[in-house]
Amino acid sequence: MERQAAPGWYGAGDGWVAYWDGTRWTGDRAPAPTPPPPAPARRRLPWPAWVALIVLFIFVGLPLIGAFLQGFGTGLSR
C-alpha cells in the first residue's frame, strides 16, 4: 500500500497553497502566508562611543572606586 501525505495545506509553487484532504486535492486554494519579517539587526555602539565610555571610566569611575575603598581602609566612621 502506498503511503499518502497527511491532510493539510501545501504550497502550490505559485504563491498559493492548495488543500490536500489525504486522498485528493480539493480544489480549495488560498494565498500563501507571508513569512514573518526578519528580526531587526542588533544595534552596536560605534567605536567612538566605546572610547568615550572607557575614558569616562578611567577618569571618573576608577577615582570614585578608589575613594570608596580608601574610606573603608582608613576605618572612618561617624
Protein backbone atom coordinates (compact mmCIF):
# COMPACT_ATOMS: atom_id res chain seq x y z
CA MET A 1 0.00 0.00 0.00
CA GLU A 2 1.31 3.40 -0.94
CA ARG A 3 1.60 5.91 1.88
CA GLN A 4 -0.30 9.18 1.34
CA ALA A 5 0.68 12.61 2.64
CA ALA A 6 -1.20 13.93 5.67
CA PRO A 7 -4.18 16.21 5.04
CA GLY A 8 -3.35 19.90 5.07
CA TRP A 9 -2.39 22.98 3.13
CA TYR A 10 0.58 22.59 0.79
CA GLY A 11 2.42 25.14 -1.30
CA ALA A 12 1.42 25.14 -4.94
CA GLY A 13 4.63 26.89 -6.00
CA ASP A 14 2.90 29.92 -7.47
CA GLY A 15 2.33 31.99 -4.35
CA TRP A 16 -0.73 29.99 -3.40
CA VAL A 17 -1.47 26.99 -1.17
CA ALA A 18 -3.85 24.16 -2.03
CA TYR A 19 -5.65 21.76 0.33
CA TRP A 20 -4.92 18.03 0.25
CA ASP A 21 -7.60 16.01 2.11
CA GLY A 22 -5.43 12.92 2.42
CA THR A 23 -6.59 11.25 -0.79
CA ARG A 24 -7.02 14.04 -3.35
CA TRP A 25 -6.72 17.78 -3.95
CA THR A 26 -9.99 19.50 -3.03
CA GLY A 27 -9.62 22.50 -5.34
CA ASP A 28 -9.54 24.91 -2.39
CA ARG A 29 -6.78 27.47 -2.80
CA ALA A 30 -5.63 30.43 -0.75
CA PRO A 31 -2.80 32.96 -0.92
CA ALA A 32 0.34 31.60 0.70
CA PRO A 33 1.03 33.15 4.10
CA THR A 34 3.73 35.76 4.09
CA PRO A 35 6.80 34.90 6.15
CA PRO A 36 7.36 36.99 9.26
CA PRO A 37 9.67 39.95 8.82
CA PRO A 38 13.27 39.33 9.82
CA ALA A 39 14.26 40.32 13.32
CA PRO A 40 15.78 43.77 13.48
CA ALA A 41 19.55 43.81 13.44
CA ARG A 42 21.11 44.26 16.83
CA ARG A 43 22.48 47.77 17.11
CA ARG A 44 26.08 48.04 18.18
CA LEU A 45 27.81 51.04 19.66
CA PRO A 46 30.24 52.70 17.26
CA TRP A 47 33.88 52.64 18.31
CA PRO A 48 33.96 56.34 19.37
CA ALA A 49 31.25 55.59 21.93
CA TRP A 50 33.32 52.72 23.35
CA VAL A 51 36.37 55.00 23.58
CA ALA A 52 34.29 57.64 25.38
CA LEU A 53 32.97 55.07 27.85
CA ILE A 54 36.46 53.75 28.59
CA VAL A 55 37.86 57.26 29.10
CA LEU A 56 34.91 58.14 31.36
CA PHE A 57 35.51 55.00 33.43
CA ILE A 58 39.25 55.74 33.76
CA PHE A 59 38.82 59.39 34.82
CA VAL A 60 35.60 59.13 36.82
CA GLY A 61 34.90 55.52 37.74
CA LEU A 62 38.35 54.48 38.96
CA PRO A 63 38.84 57.54 41.23
CA LEU A 64 35.38 57.01 42.72
CA ILE A 65 36.10 53.34 43.36
CA GLY A 66 39.49 54.27 44.87
CA ALA A 67 37.92 56.89 47.17
CA PHE A 68 35.24 54.43 48.24
CA LEU A 69 37.79 51.73 49.06
CA GLN A 70 40.11 54.20 50.78
CA GLY A 71 37.27 55.26 53.05
CA PHE A 72 36.92 51.65 54.20
CA GLY A 73 40.69 51.23 54.56
CA THR A 74 41.12 54.17 56.97
CA GLY A 75 38.35 52.98 59.25
CA LEU A 76 36.46 56.25 59.11
CA SER A 77 33.16 56.11 60.93
CA ARG A 78 30.63 58.63 62.11
